[in-house]
N, C-alpha and C. Protein backbone atom coordinates (compact mmCIF):
# COMPACT_ATOMS: atom_id res chain seq x y z
N UNK A 1 51.76 5.83 17.20
CA UNK A 1 50.67 5.54 18.11
C UNK A 1 49.86 4.38 17.54
N UNK A 2 49.54 3.42 18.39
CA UNK A 2 48.73 2.27 17.98
C UNK A 2 47.40 2.36 18.72
N UNK A 3 46.31 2.43 17.94
CA UNK A 3 44.98 2.63 18.52
C UNK A 3 44.05 1.50 18.11
N UNK A 4 43.34 0.97 19.12
CA UNK A 4 42.27 0.00 18.87
C UNK A 4 40.97 0.78 18.82
N UNK A 5 40.31 0.79 17.67
CA UNK A 5 39.01 1.44 17.53
C UNK A 5 37.91 0.43 17.77
N UNK A 6 36.88 0.85 18.51
CA UNK A 6 35.75 -0.04 18.82
C UNK A 6 34.45 0.66 18.44
N UNK A 7 33.72 0.06 17.51
CA UNK A 7 32.39 0.52 17.15
C UNK A 7 31.43 -0.41 17.89
N UNK A 8 30.97 0.02 19.10
CA UNK A 8 30.27 -0.91 19.98
C UNK A 8 28.91 -1.35 19.45
N UNK A 9 28.62 -2.60 19.70
CA UNK A 9 27.32 -3.17 19.37
C UNK A 9 27.25 -4.55 19.98
N UNK A 10 26.06 -5.01 20.30
CA UNK A 10 25.93 -6.34 20.90
C UNK A 10 25.92 -7.45 19.86
N UNK A 11 25.30 -7.20 18.73
CA UNK A 11 25.26 -8.22 17.69
C UNK A 11 26.55 -8.22 16.88
N UNK A 12 27.01 -7.01 16.51
CA UNK A 12 28.26 -6.84 15.78
C UNK A 12 29.03 -5.70 16.43
N UNK A 13 30.17 -6.02 17.02
CA UNK A 13 31.04 -5.01 17.63
C UNK A 13 32.26 -4.89 16.72
N UNK A 14 32.34 -3.77 15.98
CA UNK A 14 33.46 -3.57 15.06
C UNK A 14 34.75 -3.30 15.81
N UNK A 15 35.84 -3.88 15.34
CA UNK A 15 37.15 -3.73 15.95
C UNK A 15 38.16 -3.44 14.85
N UNK A 16 39.02 -2.45 15.06
CA UNK A 16 40.07 -2.16 14.08
C UNK A 16 41.28 -1.58 14.77
N UNK A 17 42.45 -1.94 14.29
CA UNK A 17 43.70 -1.44 14.86
C UNK A 17 44.45 -0.69 13.77
N UNK A 18 44.80 0.57 14.11
CA UNK A 18 45.54 1.43 13.19
C UNK A 18 46.77 1.95 13.90
N UNK A 19 47.85 2.04 13.15
CA UNK A 19 49.10 2.56 13.71
C UNK A 19 49.58 3.72 12.85
N UNK A 20 50.14 4.74 13.51
CA UNK A 20 50.70 5.86 12.78
C UNK A 20 50.66 7.14 13.59
N UNK A 21 51.02 8.22 12.93
CA UNK A 21 50.98 9.55 13.55
C UNK A 21 50.31 10.51 12.58
N UNK A 22 49.77 11.58 13.13
CA UNK A 22 49.10 12.59 12.31
C UNK A 22 50.08 13.14 11.28
N UNK A 23 49.60 13.31 10.07
CA UNK A 23 50.41 13.88 9.01
C UNK A 23 51.24 12.88 8.22
N UNK A 24 51.17 11.62 8.60
CA UNK A 24 51.92 10.56 7.91
C UNK A 24 50.94 9.48 7.48
N UNK A 25 51.32 8.67 6.49
CA UNK A 25 50.44 7.57 6.10
C UNK A 25 50.21 6.62 7.29
N UNK A 26 48.98 6.17 7.42
CA UNK A 26 48.60 5.27 8.50
C UNK A 26 48.60 3.82 8.01
N UNK A 27 48.72 2.88 8.94
CA UNK A 27 48.74 1.47 8.59
C UNK A 27 47.67 0.72 9.38
N UNK A 28 46.86 -0.05 8.67
CA UNK A 28 45.90 -0.92 9.33
C UNK A 28 46.64 -2.19 9.74
N UNK A 29 46.52 -2.55 11.02
CA UNK A 29 47.15 -3.77 11.50
C UNK A 29 46.16 -4.92 11.58
N UNK A 30 44.88 -4.60 11.76
CA UNK A 30 43.88 -5.65 11.83
C UNK A 30 42.49 -5.05 11.85
N UNK A 31 41.52 -5.81 11.37
CA UNK A 31 40.13 -5.37 11.39
C UNK A 31 39.23 -6.59 11.47
N UNK A 32 38.12 -6.43 12.19
CA UNK A 32 37.18 -7.54 12.31
C UNK A 32 35.94 -7.15 13.08
N UNK A 33 35.17 -8.15 13.43
CA UNK A 33 33.92 -7.94 14.14
C UNK A 33 33.78 -9.04 15.18
N UNK A 34 33.40 -8.64 16.39
CA UNK A 34 33.04 -9.61 17.43
C UNK A 34 31.53 -9.77 17.31
N UNK A 35 31.08 -10.99 17.07
CA UNK A 35 29.64 -11.24 16.86
C UNK A 35 29.05 -12.02 18.03
N UNK A 36 27.79 -11.70 18.33
CA UNK A 36 27.05 -12.49 19.31
C UNK A 36 25.67 -12.78 18.73
N UNK A 37 25.07 -13.84 19.22
CA UNK A 37 23.75 -14.23 18.75
C UNK A 37 22.67 -13.42 19.47
N UNK A 38 21.74 -12.90 18.70
CA UNK A 38 20.63 -12.14 19.27
C UNK A 38 19.76 -13.03 20.16
N UNK A 39 19.85 -14.35 20.01
CA UNK A 39 19.05 -15.27 20.81
C UNK A 39 19.67 -15.56 22.18
N UNK A 40 20.96 -15.23 22.34
CA UNK A 40 21.65 -15.54 23.59
C UNK A 40 21.23 -14.58 24.70
N UNK A 41 21.43 -15.01 25.95
CA UNK A 41 21.14 -14.15 27.11
C UNK A 41 22.10 -12.96 27.10
N UNK A 42 21.65 -11.82 27.61
CA UNK A 42 22.45 -10.60 27.59
C UNK A 42 23.80 -10.79 28.30
N UNK A 43 23.81 -11.47 29.43
CA UNK A 43 25.07 -11.70 30.15
C UNK A 43 26.06 -12.48 29.31
N UNK A 44 25.58 -13.50 28.62
CA UNK A 44 26.45 -14.31 27.77
C UNK A 44 26.98 -13.48 26.60
N UNK A 45 26.14 -12.60 26.07
CA UNK A 45 26.56 -11.76 24.95
C UNK A 45 27.65 -10.79 25.40
N UNK A 46 27.48 -10.21 26.59
CA UNK A 46 28.49 -9.27 27.10
C UNK A 46 29.81 -9.98 27.36
N UNK A 47 29.75 -11.20 27.88
CA UNK A 47 30.97 -11.97 28.10
C UNK A 47 31.65 -12.26 26.76
N UNK A 48 30.88 -12.58 25.73
CA UNK A 48 31.45 -12.84 24.41
C UNK A 48 32.12 -11.59 23.85
N UNK A 49 31.49 -10.43 24.02
CA UNK A 49 32.10 -9.17 23.57
C UNK A 49 33.41 -8.94 24.33
N UNK A 50 33.36 -9.15 25.65
CA UNK A 50 34.57 -8.96 26.46
C UNK A 50 35.70 -9.88 25.98
N UNK A 51 35.40 -11.14 25.78
CA UNK A 51 36.43 -12.08 25.33
C UNK A 51 37.01 -11.66 23.98
N UNK A 52 36.14 -11.24 23.09
CA UNK A 52 36.62 -10.79 21.78
C UNK A 52 37.54 -9.59 21.88
N UNK A 53 37.15 -8.60 22.66
CA UNK A 53 37.98 -7.40 22.82
C UNK A 53 39.29 -7.76 23.50
N UNK A 54 39.25 -8.61 24.51
CA UNK A 54 40.48 -9.03 25.20
C UNK A 54 41.44 -9.72 24.23
N UNK A 55 40.90 -10.54 23.32
CA UNK A 55 41.76 -11.20 22.33
C UNK A 55 42.46 -10.18 21.45
N UNK A 56 41.73 -9.14 21.03
CA UNK A 56 42.33 -8.09 20.21
C UNK A 56 43.37 -7.30 21.00
N UNK A 57 43.09 -7.02 22.26
CA UNK A 57 44.06 -6.30 23.09
C UNK A 57 45.33 -7.14 23.27
N UNK A 58 45.18 -8.44 23.48
CA UNK A 58 46.33 -9.33 23.62
C UNK A 58 47.14 -9.39 22.33
N UNK A 59 46.45 -9.51 21.21
CA UNK A 59 47.12 -9.70 19.92
C UNK A 59 47.83 -8.44 19.44
N UNK A 60 47.24 -7.26 19.66
CA UNK A 60 47.77 -6.04 19.04
C UNK A 60 48.41 -5.05 20.00
N UNK A 61 48.20 -5.20 21.30
CA UNK A 61 48.82 -4.34 22.32
C UNK A 61 48.74 -2.84 21.98
N UNK A 62 47.52 -2.31 21.84
CA UNK A 62 47.39 -0.88 21.53
C UNK A 62 47.81 0.00 22.71
N UNK A 63 48.11 1.26 22.39
CA UNK A 63 48.46 2.23 23.42
C UNK A 63 47.22 2.94 23.95
N UNK A 64 46.14 2.87 23.18
CA UNK A 64 44.92 3.59 23.52
C UNK A 64 43.74 2.88 22.86
N UNK A 65 42.57 3.01 23.47
CA UNK A 65 41.34 2.46 22.90
C UNK A 65 40.40 3.62 22.61
N UNK A 66 39.97 3.73 21.35
CA UNK A 66 39.02 4.77 20.93
C UNK A 66 37.66 4.11 20.73
N UNK A 67 36.66 4.61 21.44
CA UNK A 67 35.32 4.01 21.43
C UNK A 67 34.32 5.06 20.94
N UNK A 68 33.37 4.61 20.12
CA UNK A 68 32.33 5.54 19.69
C UNK A 68 31.47 5.92 20.88
N UNK A 69 31.30 7.23 21.07
CA UNK A 69 30.45 7.74 22.15
C UNK A 69 29.00 7.41 21.80
N UNK A 70 28.32 6.80 22.74
CA UNK A 70 26.92 6.42 22.51
C UNK A 70 26.07 7.69 22.47
N UNK A 71 25.24 7.78 21.47
CA UNK A 71 24.37 8.93 21.33
C UNK A 71 22.93 8.46 21.34
N UNK A 72 22.02 9.35 21.62
CA UNK A 72 20.60 9.02 21.71
C UNK A 72 20.09 8.54 20.36
N UNK A 73 19.44 7.42 20.39
CA UNK A 73 18.81 6.89 19.19
C UNK A 73 17.32 6.73 19.49
N UNK A 74 16.54 6.58 18.44
CA UNK A 74 15.09 6.42 18.63
C UNK A 74 14.76 5.08 19.26
N UNK A 75 15.53 4.05 18.94
CA UNK A 75 15.26 2.71 19.44
C UNK A 75 16.02 2.51 20.76
N UNK A 76 15.32 2.55 21.88
CA UNK A 76 15.94 2.44 23.21
C UNK A 76 16.66 1.10 23.36
N UNK A 77 16.10 0.04 22.82
CA UNK A 77 16.74 -1.28 22.93
C UNK A 77 18.10 -1.28 22.24
N UNK A 78 18.18 -0.65 21.08
CA UNK A 78 19.45 -0.58 20.35
C UNK A 78 20.47 0.24 21.12
N UNK A 79 20.06 1.39 21.65
CA UNK A 79 21.01 2.24 22.37
C UNK A 79 21.49 1.56 23.65
N UNK A 80 20.64 0.78 24.29
CA UNK A 80 21.05 0.07 25.50
C UNK A 80 22.14 -0.96 25.17
N UNK A 81 21.95 -1.73 24.13
CA UNK A 81 22.96 -2.72 23.73
C UNK A 81 24.26 -2.05 23.35
N UNK A 82 24.17 -0.95 22.63
CA UNK A 82 25.36 -0.20 22.23
C UNK A 82 26.09 0.33 23.47
N UNK A 83 25.34 0.88 24.41
CA UNK A 83 25.94 1.41 25.64
C UNK A 83 26.59 0.29 26.45
N UNK A 84 25.95 -0.86 26.51
CA UNK A 84 26.51 -1.98 27.27
C UNK A 84 27.81 -2.47 26.63
N UNK A 85 27.83 -2.60 25.31
CA UNK A 85 29.05 -3.02 24.61
C UNK A 85 30.15 -1.98 24.77
N UNK A 86 29.77 -0.71 24.74
CA UNK A 86 30.72 0.38 24.94
C UNK A 86 31.36 0.29 26.32
N UNK A 87 30.54 0.03 27.34
CA UNK A 87 31.05 -0.10 28.71
C UNK A 87 32.01 -1.27 28.82
N UNK A 88 31.73 -2.37 28.14
CA UNK A 88 32.63 -3.53 28.17
C UNK A 88 33.99 -3.14 27.57
N UNK A 89 33.98 -2.42 26.45
CA UNK A 89 35.24 -1.99 25.82
C UNK A 89 36.04 -1.09 26.76
N UNK A 90 35.35 -0.15 27.41
CA UNK A 90 36.04 0.76 28.33
C UNK A 90 36.59 0.00 29.54
N UNK A 91 35.83 -0.97 30.02
CA UNK A 91 36.27 -1.79 31.15
C UNK A 91 37.52 -2.58 30.79
N UNK A 92 37.52 -3.21 29.62
CA UNK A 92 38.69 -3.98 29.18
C UNK A 92 39.93 -3.10 29.11
N UNK A 93 39.78 -1.90 28.57
CA UNK A 93 40.91 -0.97 28.48
C UNK A 93 41.37 -0.54 29.87
N UNK A 94 40.43 -0.16 30.73
CA UNK A 94 40.76 0.33 32.07
C UNK A 94 41.46 -0.75 32.88
N UNK A 95 41.03 -1.98 32.73
CA UNK A 95 41.63 -3.10 33.46
C UNK A 95 43.13 -3.21 33.13
N UNK A 96 43.51 -2.80 31.91
CA UNK A 96 44.91 -2.87 31.48
C UNK A 96 45.64 -1.53 31.66
N UNK A 97 44.93 -0.54 32.20
CA UNK A 97 45.56 0.77 32.38
C UNK A 97 45.69 1.56 31.08
N UNK A 98 44.91 1.20 30.07
CA UNK A 98 44.96 1.90 28.79
C UNK A 98 44.01 3.08 28.79
N UNK A 99 44.45 4.23 28.28
CA UNK A 99 43.54 5.35 28.18
C UNK A 99 42.43 5.05 27.16
N UNK A 100 41.27 5.65 27.41
CA UNK A 100 40.12 5.51 26.52
C UNK A 100 39.74 6.89 26.02
N UNK A 101 39.51 6.99 24.71
CA UNK A 101 39.02 8.23 24.12
C UNK A 101 37.65 7.95 23.52
N UNK A 102 36.71 8.84 23.78
CA UNK A 102 35.37 8.71 23.22
C UNK A 102 35.20 9.76 22.13
N UNK A 103 34.70 9.33 20.98
CA UNK A 103 34.45 10.24 19.86
C UNK A 103 33.03 10.03 19.37
N UNK A 104 32.33 11.13 19.10
CA UNK A 104 30.97 11.03 18.58
C UNK A 104 30.99 10.58 17.13
N UNK A 105 29.90 10.01 16.65
CA UNK A 105 29.85 9.62 15.24
C UNK A 105 30.13 10.79 14.30
N UNK A 106 29.61 11.98 14.61
CA UNK A 106 29.84 13.12 13.71
C UNK A 106 31.29 13.57 13.75
N UNK A 107 31.97 13.47 14.90
CA UNK A 107 33.41 13.79 14.97
C UNK A 107 34.20 12.85 14.08
N UNK A 108 33.86 11.57 14.16
CA UNK A 108 34.57 10.57 13.36
C UNK A 108 34.34 10.82 11.87
N UNK A 109 33.09 11.02 11.50
CA UNK A 109 32.77 11.26 10.08
C UNK A 109 33.47 12.51 9.57
N UNK A 110 33.43 13.59 10.34
CA UNK A 110 34.07 14.84 9.92
C UNK A 110 35.57 14.66 9.79
N UNK A 111 36.16 13.94 10.72
CA UNK A 111 37.61 13.73 10.70
C UNK A 111 38.04 12.94 9.47
N UNK A 112 37.30 11.90 9.15
CA UNK A 112 37.69 11.00 8.07
C UNK A 112 37.24 11.48 6.69
N UNK A 113 36.04 12.08 6.61
CA UNK A 113 35.51 12.46 5.30
C UNK A 113 35.46 13.96 5.06
N UNK A 114 35.53 14.75 6.13
CA UNK A 114 35.38 16.19 5.99
C UNK A 114 33.96 16.66 6.24
N UNK A 115 33.03 15.72 6.40
CA UNK A 115 31.63 16.06 6.66
C UNK A 115 31.09 15.21 7.81
N UNK A 116 30.53 15.87 8.81
CA UNK A 116 29.93 15.17 9.94
C UNK A 116 28.64 14.46 9.57
N UNK A 117 28.14 14.68 8.35
CA UNK A 117 26.90 14.05 7.90
C UNK A 117 27.15 12.95 6.86
N UNK A 118 28.39 12.53 6.72
CA UNK A 118 28.73 11.50 5.73
C UNK A 118 27.99 10.21 6.05
N UNK A 119 27.68 9.44 4.98
CA UNK A 119 27.02 8.16 5.20
C UNK A 119 28.06 7.04 5.34
N UNK A 120 27.58 5.85 5.68
CA UNK A 120 28.50 4.73 5.92
C UNK A 120 29.34 4.40 4.68
N UNK A 121 28.77 4.54 3.50
CA UNK A 121 29.51 4.28 2.27
C UNK A 121 30.67 5.24 2.09
N UNK A 122 30.43 6.51 2.40
CA UNK A 122 31.49 7.52 2.28
C UNK A 122 32.60 7.26 3.30
N UNK A 123 32.21 6.88 4.52
CA UNK A 123 33.21 6.57 5.56
C UNK A 123 34.04 5.37 5.10
N UNK A 124 33.37 4.32 4.63
CA UNK A 124 34.09 3.13 4.16
C UNK A 124 35.04 3.44 3.02
N UNK A 125 34.60 4.29 2.08
CA UNK A 125 35.45 4.65 0.94
C UNK A 125 36.69 5.42 1.40
N UNK A 126 36.52 6.34 2.35
CA UNK A 126 37.67 7.12 2.82
C UNK A 126 38.61 6.27 3.67
N UNK A 127 38.07 5.37 4.47
CA UNK A 127 38.92 4.46 5.25
C UNK A 127 39.76 3.63 4.28
N UNK A 128 39.14 3.15 3.22
CA UNK A 128 39.83 2.36 2.21
C UNK A 128 40.97 3.16 1.59
N UNK A 129 40.70 4.39 1.25
CA UNK A 129 41.71 5.25 0.63
C UNK A 129 42.82 5.60 1.62
N UNK A 130 42.45 6.02 2.83
CA UNK A 130 43.44 6.46 3.82
C UNK A 130 44.38 5.33 4.26
N UNK A 131 43.85 4.11 4.31
CA UNK A 131 44.66 2.98 4.74
C UNK A 131 45.21 2.18 3.56
N UNK A 132 44.95 2.67 2.34
CA UNK A 132 45.45 2.03 1.12
C UNK A 132 45.04 0.55 1.04
N UNK A 133 43.75 0.31 1.25
CA UNK A 133 43.20 -1.05 1.20
C UNK A 133 42.67 -1.34 -0.20
N UNK A 134 42.53 -2.61 -0.52
CA UNK A 134 41.99 -2.99 -1.82
C UNK A 134 40.48 -2.80 -1.91
N UNK A 135 39.80 -2.94 -0.76
CA UNK A 135 38.33 -2.82 -0.74
C UNK A 135 37.91 -2.34 0.65
N UNK A 136 36.72 -1.73 0.73
CA UNK A 136 36.24 -1.30 2.04
C UNK A 136 36.05 -2.50 2.97
N UNK A 137 36.43 -2.36 4.23
CA UNK A 137 36.20 -3.45 5.19
C UNK A 137 34.70 -3.71 5.34
N UNK A 138 34.34 -4.97 5.46
CA UNK A 138 32.95 -5.37 5.65
C UNK A 138 32.83 -6.14 6.95
N UNK A 139 31.73 -6.02 7.65
CA UNK A 139 30.63 -5.09 7.45
C UNK A 139 31.04 -3.67 7.81
N UNK A 140 30.08 -2.76 7.69
CA UNK A 140 30.34 -1.34 7.95
C UNK A 140 30.86 -1.10 9.37
N UNK A 141 30.47 -1.97 10.33
CA UNK A 141 30.94 -1.81 11.71
C UNK A 141 32.47 -1.90 11.78
N UNK A 142 33.06 -2.75 10.94
CA UNK A 142 34.52 -2.90 10.91
C UNK A 142 35.16 -1.63 10.37
N UNK A 143 34.60 -1.08 9.29
CA UNK A 143 35.12 0.17 8.73
C UNK A 143 34.97 1.31 9.73
N UNK A 144 33.86 1.33 10.45
CA UNK A 144 33.63 2.38 11.45
C UNK A 144 34.67 2.30 12.58
N UNK A 145 35.05 1.09 12.97
CA UNK A 145 36.07 0.93 14.01
C UNK A 145 37.41 1.49 13.54
N UNK A 146 37.76 1.23 12.28
CA UNK A 146 38.99 1.80 11.74
C UNK A 146 38.91 3.32 11.68
N UNK A 147 37.74 3.84 11.30
CA UNK A 147 37.55 5.29 11.25
C UNK A 147 37.73 5.92 12.63
N UNK A 148 37.26 5.24 13.68
CA UNK A 148 37.45 5.72 15.05
C UNK A 148 38.93 5.82 15.39
N UNK A 149 39.70 4.79 15.04
CA UNK A 149 41.13 4.80 15.32
C UNK A 149 41.83 5.92 14.54
N UNK A 150 41.47 6.08 13.27
CA UNK A 150 42.05 7.15 12.45
C UNK A 150 41.72 8.51 13.06
N UNK A 151 40.47 8.70 13.40
CA UNK A 151 40.02 9.96 14.01
C UNK A 151 40.87 10.28 15.24
N UNK A 152 41.07 9.30 16.08
CA UNK A 152 41.83 9.59 17.30
C UNK A 152 43.29 9.93 17.00
N UNK A 153 43.91 9.20 16.11
CA UNK A 153 45.30 9.49 15.77
C UNK A 153 45.42 10.92 15.25
N UNK A 154 44.48 11.33 14.42
CA UNK A 154 44.54 12.67 13.85
C UNK A 154 44.19 13.76 14.85
N UNK A 155 43.27 13.47 15.77
CA UNK A 155 42.83 14.48 16.74
C UNK A 155 43.70 14.58 17.99
N UNK A 156 44.42 13.51 18.31
CA UNK A 156 45.18 13.46 19.56
C UNK A 156 46.18 14.60 19.73
N UNK A 157 46.98 14.97 18.70
CA UNK A 157 47.94 16.06 18.92
C UNK A 157 47.26 17.37 19.32
N UNK A 158 46.15 17.70 18.69
CA UNK A 158 45.43 18.94 19.03
C UNK A 158 44.82 18.84 20.42
N UNK A 159 44.26 17.67 20.76
CA UNK A 159 43.67 17.49 22.08
C UNK A 159 44.74 17.59 23.17
N UNK A 160 45.92 17.03 22.91
CA UNK A 160 47.00 17.09 23.90
C UNK A 160 47.47 18.53 24.10
N UNK A 161 47.59 19.29 23.01
CA UNK A 161 47.98 20.70 23.12
C UNK A 161 46.95 21.48 23.92
N UNK A 162 45.68 21.21 23.68
CA UNK A 162 44.61 21.89 24.40
C UNK A 162 44.67 21.55 25.89
N UNK A 163 44.86 20.28 26.21
CA UNK A 163 44.94 19.88 27.62
C UNK A 163 46.13 20.55 28.31
N UNK A 164 47.28 20.63 27.62
CA UNK A 164 48.45 21.28 28.22
C UNK A 164 48.19 22.77 28.42
N UNK A 165 47.52 23.41 27.46
CA UNK A 165 47.23 24.84 27.58
C UNK A 165 46.27 25.10 28.75
N UNK A 166 45.27 24.26 28.91
CA UNK A 166 44.33 24.43 30.02
C UNK A 166 45.05 24.22 31.34
N UNK A 167 45.90 23.20 31.42
CA UNK A 167 46.66 22.95 32.65
C UNK A 167 47.58 24.12 32.97
N UNK A 168 48.24 24.66 31.96
CA UNK A 168 49.15 25.80 32.18
C UNK A 168 48.36 27.03 32.62
N UNK A 169 47.18 27.23 32.04
CA UNK A 169 46.34 28.36 32.42
C UNK A 169 45.93 28.24 33.89
N UNK A 170 45.52 27.04 34.29
CA UNK A 170 45.11 26.83 35.68
C UNK A 170 46.29 27.00 36.64
N UNK A 171 47.48 26.56 36.21
CA UNK A 171 48.67 26.71 37.07
C UNK A 171 49.02 28.18 37.24
N UNK A 172 48.93 28.95 36.14
CA UNK A 172 49.22 30.38 36.19
C UNK A 172 48.20 31.11 37.02
N UNK A 173 46.95 30.76 36.87
CA UNK A 173 45.87 31.39 37.61
C UNK A 173 46.02 31.14 39.12
N UNK A 174 46.48 29.95 39.47
CA UNK A 174 46.68 29.61 40.87
C UNK A 174 47.77 30.43 41.52
N UNK A 175 48.80 30.83 40.74
CA UNK A 175 49.90 31.62 41.29
C UNK A 175 49.53 33.08 41.50
N UNK A 176 48.54 33.57 40.71
CA UNK A 176 48.18 34.98 40.81
C UNK A 176 47.06 35.23 41.82
N UNK A 177 46.44 34.19 42.29
CA UNK A 177 45.30 34.35 43.20
C UNK A 177 45.74 34.64 44.61
């Protein structure tokens, strides 16, 4: 499975591509950040994020896009920019018919480090270890994008089994009614 992880942000949108399957060593194919100027108009910034994500989708051809689920933050301006960048990532994936998975920050942290309360340094250290890198990806947004991709690869088999079980339950229930 090849997953493009997106840590959405307007100033720095982390992007990382990981390939592999649960239970096997994973491989980082690429990591980076799409940057926009805080001085630019919001529309121009969103277009820049879109172009950056499209370039990554063209270059790496992922099977799925994993995006950090936007959560409530104290700074409304920050959460708005994050939500807007998140929507751009989902739009780019949907335009290509790619499935999108949303994972909360605590899900990602728990998946990669074992603790949903891990800090950015701990996430970066585990991403470095899991992908056998020489150093943690910088900035932290890039490491977070890789963590999102890792989280999805590891969680997907369980999520798929759960979806099949729910579908089978509904199919069985429909026959007995």
